[in-house]
Protein backbone atom coordinates (compact mmCIF):
# COMPACT_ATOMS: atom_id res chain seq x y z
CA MET A 1 -26.99 -58.80 94.91
CA SER A 2 -28.84 -55.45 94.91
CA ALA A 3 -27.44 -52.60 92.78
CA ARG A 4 -28.38 -50.10 95.50
CA THR A 5 -25.79 -49.18 98.10
CA GLU A 6 -26.44 -48.42 101.72
CA HIS A 7 -25.96 -44.72 100.87
CA ASP A 8 -28.56 -44.92 98.14
CA GLU A 9 -31.02 -46.57 100.43
CA GLU A 10 -30.45 -43.92 103.06
CA THR A 11 -30.80 -40.96 100.66
CA GLY A 12 -33.42 -42.46 98.37
CA ALA A 13 -31.31 -41.60 95.28
CA PRO A 14 -31.73 -43.89 92.25
CA PRO A 15 -28.81 -46.09 91.39
CA PRO A 16 -26.44 -44.71 88.76
CA ALA A 17 -27.40 -45.63 85.20
CA ALA A 18 -25.33 -48.28 83.64
CA GLN A 19 -22.79 -46.79 81.21
CA PRO A 20 -22.94 -48.14 77.63
CA PRO A 21 -19.93 -49.96 76.35
CA VAL A 22 -17.03 -47.88 75.06
CA ALA A 23 -17.71 -48.97 71.45
CA VAL A 24 -21.30 -47.73 71.66
CA ARG A 25 -20.19 -44.37 73.07
CA ARG A 26 -17.66 -43.98 70.28
CA ARG A 27 -20.24 -44.81 67.63
CA ARG A 28 -22.66 -42.28 69.08
CA GLY A 29 -19.90 -39.69 69.07
CA ARG A 30 -19.15 -40.32 65.43
CA VAL A 31 -22.84 -40.02 64.53
CA ALA A 32 -23.15 -36.74 66.42
CA ALA A 33 -20.03 -35.39 64.70
CA ALA A 34 -21.38 -36.43 61.29
CA ILE A 35 -24.71 -34.73 61.99
CA SER A 36 -22.89 -31.58 63.06
CA VAL A 37 -20.75 -31.54 59.91
CA PHE A 38 -23.82 -32.17 57.73
CA GLY A 39 -25.65 -29.33 59.42
CA GLU A 40 -22.73 -26.99 58.82
CA LEU A 41 -22.66 -28.04 55.17
CA LEU A 42 -26.38 -27.28 54.83
CA ILE A 43 -25.84 -23.83 56.32
CA THR A 44 -22.93 -23.21 53.96
CA VAL A 45 -24.96 -24.33 50.96
CA GLY A 46 -27.82 -22.09 52.07
CA VAL A 47 -25.51 -19.10 52.35
CA VAL A 48 -23.98 -19.80 48.92
CA LEU A 49 -27.43 -20.15 47.34
CA GLY A 50 -28.55 -16.95 49.02
CA LEU A 51 -25.52 -15.11 47.67
CA PHE A 52 -26.15 -16.53 44.20
CA VAL A 53 -29.76 -15.37 44.24
CA ALA A 54 -28.67 -11.93 45.43
CA TYR A 55 -26.11 -11.80 42.64
CA SER A 56 -28.57 -12.98 39.98
CA LEU A 57 -31.52 -10.81 40.98
CA TRP A 58 -29.84 -7.71 42.38
CA TRP A 59 -26.17 -7.28 41.59
CA THR A 60 -26.56 -8.18 37.89
CA ASN A 61 -29.23 -5.47 37.73
CA VAL A 62 -26.82 -2.96 39.19
CA LEU A 63 -24.10 -3.86 36.70
CA ALA A 64 -26.47 -3.99 33.72
CA ASP A 65 -28.15 -0.67 34.58
CA ARG A 66 -24.74 0.93 34.87
CA GLU A 67 -23.69 -0.40 31.46
CA ALA A 68 -27.01 0.49 29.81
CA THR A 69 -26.84 4.05 31.18
CA LYS A 70 -23.32 4.45 29.81
CA GLN A 71 -24.31 3.16 26.38
CA GLY A 72 -27.48 5.26 26.35
CA ASN A 73 -25.51 8.40 27.17
CA ASP A 74 -23.10 7.57 24.36
CA VAL A 75 -26.00 7.28 21.90
CA ARG A 76 -27.46 10.62 22.97
CA ARG A 77 -24.08 12.31 22.68
CA GLN A 78 -23.75 10.82 19.21
CA TRP A 79 -27.18 12.16 18.28
CA ALA A 80 -26.32 15.59 19.63
CA ALA A 81 -23.19 15.57 17.47
CA GLY A 82 -25.21 14.68 14.38
CA GLY A 83 -24.54 10.93 14.28
CA ASP A 84 -22.40 9.10 11.78
CA GLY A 85 -25.09 8.61 9.14
CA LYS A 86 -24.53 4.86 9.00
CA GLY A 87 -27.75 3.20 10.04
CA ASP A 88 -29.75 0.04 9.41
CA SER A 89 -32.46 2.16 7.83
CA ALA A 90 -33.12 5.81 7.07
CA GLY A 91 -33.13 7.86 10.23
CA PHE A 92 -31.53 5.16 12.38
CA ASP A 93 -28.04 5.11 13.78
CA SER A 94 -26.89 1.62 14.60
CA LYS A 95 -23.72 2.60 16.42
CA GLY A 96 -24.31 1.56 20.02
CA GLY A 97 -28.09 1.45 19.72
CA LEU A 98 -31.05 2.22 17.47
CA GLY A 99 -33.05 4.29 19.91
CA PHE A 100 -35.01 4.20 23.15
CA LEU A 101 -38.19 2.36 24.09
CA HIS A 102 -40.61 4.08 26.48
CA VAL A 103 -43.39 2.04 28.11
CA PRO A 104 -44.95 4.14 30.91
CA SER A 105 -47.05 1.28 32.29
CA MET A 106 -43.89 -0.78 32.86
CA ASP A 107 -42.43 2.04 34.94
CA ASN A 108 -38.93 1.22 33.79
CA GLY A 109 -37.76 4.51 32.31
CA GLU A 110 -36.21 4.52 28.87
CA VAL A 111 -34.75 1.31 27.47
CA LEU A 112 -31.94 1.36 24.95
CA VAL A 113 -32.65 -0.91 21.97
CA LYS A 114 -29.81 -2.68 20.21
CA LYS A 115 -29.46 -5.23 17.44
CA GLY A 116 -29.82 -8.89 18.45
CA THR A 117 -31.47 -10.88 21.20
CA ASP A 118 -28.66 -13.18 22.28
CA THR A 119 -27.70 -13.39 25.95
CA LYS A 120 -24.61 -11.21 25.56
CA VAL A 121 -26.68 -8.32 24.21
CA LEU A 122 -29.59 -8.58 26.64
CA ASN A 123 -27.27 -8.96 29.64
CA GLU A 124 -26.16 -5.38 29.01
CA GLY A 125 -29.48 -4.21 30.42
CA VAL A 126 -31.02 -3.33 27.07
CA ALA A 127 -33.77 -4.59 24.78
CA GLY A 128 -32.81 -6.19 21.49
CA TYR A 129 -34.59 -6.54 18.19
CA TYR A 130 -34.77 -9.98 16.59
CA THR A 131 -32.52 -11.02 13.74
CA ASP A 132 -33.39 -14.71 14.17
CA PRO A 133 -35.49 -16.89 13.87
CA VAL A 134 -37.72 -14.22 12.25
CA LYS A 135 -36.01 -11.02 11.21
CA SER A 136 -37.54 -7.90 12.70
CA ALA A 137 -38.73 -4.96 10.67
CA LEU A 138 -37.75 -1.47 11.82
CA PRO A 139 -40.21 1.25 12.79
CA SER A 140 -39.28 3.31 9.73
CA ASP A 141 -40.25 0.48 7.37
CA ALA A 142 -43.49 0.99 5.46
CA LYS A 143 -44.81 -2.35 6.73
CA GLY A 144 -43.65 -4.96 9.20
CA ASN A 145 -43.32 -6.02 12.81
CA PHE A 146 -40.72 -4.41 15.07
CA THR A 147 -40.04 -7.32 17.45
CA LEU A 148 -38.17 -6.84 20.73
CA ALA A 149 -36.99 -8.95 23.66
CA ALA A 150 -35.52 -8.13 27.08
CA HIS A 151 -34.89 -9.87 30.37
CA ARG A 152 -37.66 -10.07 32.95
CA ASP A 153 -35.38 -10.83 35.91
CA GLY A 154 -31.73 -10.00 36.47
CA HIS A 155 -29.40 -8.18 34.07
CA GLY A 156 -31.49 -5.02 34.15
CA ALA A 157 -34.89 -6.78 34.03
CA LYS A 158 -36.20 -4.17 31.59
CA PHE A 159 -39.43 -6.08 30.92
CA HIS A 160 -40.00 -7.15 34.53
CA ASN A 161 -43.36 -5.35 34.71
CA ILE A 162 -44.68 -6.43 31.34
CA HIS A 163 -47.72 -7.91 33.11
CA LYS A 164 -48.78 -4.35 34.00
CA VAL A 165 -49.19 -3.38 30.35
CA ARG A 166 -52.83 -3.17 29.27
CA VAL A 167 -54.72 -2.82 25.99
CA GLY A 168 -54.80 0.85 25.04
CA ASP A 169 -51.50 1.72 26.74
CA PRO A 170 -48.96 3.76 24.77
CA VAL A 171 -45.59 2.39 23.72
CA VAL A 172 -43.19 4.91 22.21
CA PHE A 173 -39.97 4.32 20.33
CA GLU A 174 -37.60 7.26 20.12
CA THR A 175 -34.98 7.68 17.40
CA ARG A 176 -32.65 10.54 16.61
CA ASP A 177 -35.33 12.44 14.67
CA THR A 178 -38.69 10.68 15.18
CA TRP A 179 -41.11 9.53 17.86
CA TYR A 180 -43.00 6.37 16.85
CA VAL A 181 -46.18 6.19 18.91
CA TYR A 182 -47.87 2.79 19.25
CA LYS A 183 -50.98 1.63 21.10
CA VAL A 184 -51.22 -1.82 22.70
CA TYR A 185 -54.06 -3.88 21.24
CA LYS A 186 -53.42 -7.44 22.48
CA GLU A 187 -51.66 -9.35 25.28
CA LEU A 188 -50.67 -13.01 25.38
CA PRO A 189 -49.69 -13.86 28.98
CA LYS A 190 -48.34 -17.33 28.16
CA THR A 191 -47.14 -19.15 25.08
CA SER A 192 -44.43 -21.67 24.20
CA LYS A 193 -40.92 -20.26 24.05
CA TYR A 194 -40.67 -22.02 20.69
CA ASN A 195 -43.67 -20.18 19.25
CA VAL A 196 -42.04 -18.04 16.57
CA ASN A 197 -45.39 -17.16 14.99
CA VAL A 198 -45.74 -14.28 17.45
CA LEU A 199 -42.81 -12.63 15.61
CA GLN A 200 -44.22 -12.85 12.09
CA GLN A 201 -44.46 -9.65 10.04
CA VAL A 202 -48.23 -10.03 10.19
CA PRO A 203 -48.79 -11.34 13.74
CA LYS A 204 -51.86 -13.45 13.04
CA GLU A 205 -51.89 -14.82 16.59
CA SER A 206 -52.74 -11.30 17.71
CA GLY A 207 -55.74 -11.25 15.41
CA LYS A 208 -54.18 -9.23 12.58
CA THR A 209 -54.58 -10.53 9.02
CA THR A 210 -53.16 -7.71 6.89
CA PRO A 211 -49.76 -5.99 6.77
CA GLY A 212 -49.30 -3.01 9.04
CA ARG A 213 -46.76 -1.31 11.25
CA TYR A 214 -46.66 -3.42 14.38
CA LEU A 215 -44.51 -3.72 17.50
CA THR A 216 -44.09 -6.88 19.58
CA LEU A 217 -42.60 -7.14 23.08
CA THR A 218 -41.50 -10.56 24.35
CA THR A 219 -39.98 -11.81 27.60
CA CYS A 220 -39.85 -14.86 29.85
CA THR A 221 -42.68 -15.97 32.08
CA PRO A 222 -43.54 -16.85 34.84
CA ILE A 223 -41.34 -14.46 36.80
CA TYR A 224 -38.00 -16.02 37.80
CA THR A 225 -38.33 -18.74 35.14
CA SER A 226 -37.86 -19.05 31.39
CA ASP A 227 -40.39 -21.82 30.73
CA TYR A 228 -42.76 -19.73 28.57
CA ARG A 229 -43.02 -16.37 26.83
CA TYR A 230 -45.15 -13.34 27.60
CA VAL A 231 -46.11 -11.31 24.52
CA VAL A 232 -47.57 -7.84 24.01
CA TRP A 233 -48.58 -6.47 20.59
CA ALA A 234 -49.01 -2.83 19.62
CA GLN A 235 -49.76 -0.96 16.41
CA LEU A 236 -48.37 2.34 15.16
CA VAL A 237 -50.89 5.16 15.41
CA ARG A 238 -48.72 8.12 14.45
CA THR A 239 -45.22 9.57 14.24
CA GLU A 240 -43.89 12.90 15.45
CA LYS A 241 -40.70 14.68 14.54
CA VAL A 242 -38.34 15.27 17.41
CA ASP A 243 -37.96 19.03 17.71
CA ASP A 244 -37.11 19.27 21.39
CA ARG A 245 -35.51 16.45 23.41
CA ARG A 246 -36.97 17.94 26.57
CA THR A 247 -40.54 17.51 25.36
CA PRO A 248 -41.64 13.89 24.87
CA PRO A 249 -44.94 12.99 23.19
CA PRO A 250 -48.12 13.65 25.22
CA GLU A 251 -48.35 9.92 26.09
CA LEU A 252 -45.19 10.25 28.17
CA ASN A 253 -46.05 13.46 30.03
């Protein structure tokens, strides 16, 4: 018997498609619902990841910069009041911070330097000098390597633009009474994060073989990862007494 009715034959309309069994329709409905739920979950996960990235790379910078500014202002007020005289070395006040790092080619303003390089310290939006695994010298020491670390992304990202630093660039460390003026002489764009030799008092990996007054900057690389370390070495070329806080060394003008 033909599936076409007399009406279909008169109008030329195709016969209605056969409906699948109820069980098949239900199964298809469940699959469609599952796909919809999965899609919504993917969207939710994407939103959460986006918010996490925004928090890590933007909001932590806001919070860290706010904290670093507060601490930096406290240090400068302490200096203006004469300090407490209790420092890690002559001319240094350790209360709240040793001083301020200025690296014009990084375009990051002044960076407060504190003791230690653990996450808690660096997350405050500052740079820290190493106490471990190789203890840092201080700029006032007759010889040694003043070794610093800071975040490259998030939490202030004070060394984010370290890749812009070039040989010959000035790096200045400011204390309560002295400007320590360094010149960059070597860059190491990539090394193992376990390479502690870059922190030695005589940084032989930079080509130096005799004691001097060095400065080493370290941070993570590539950007947005912590797989390796980026290193910049500088050497002290002169010091200047701070006689006017409004007048930085010529390298910073």
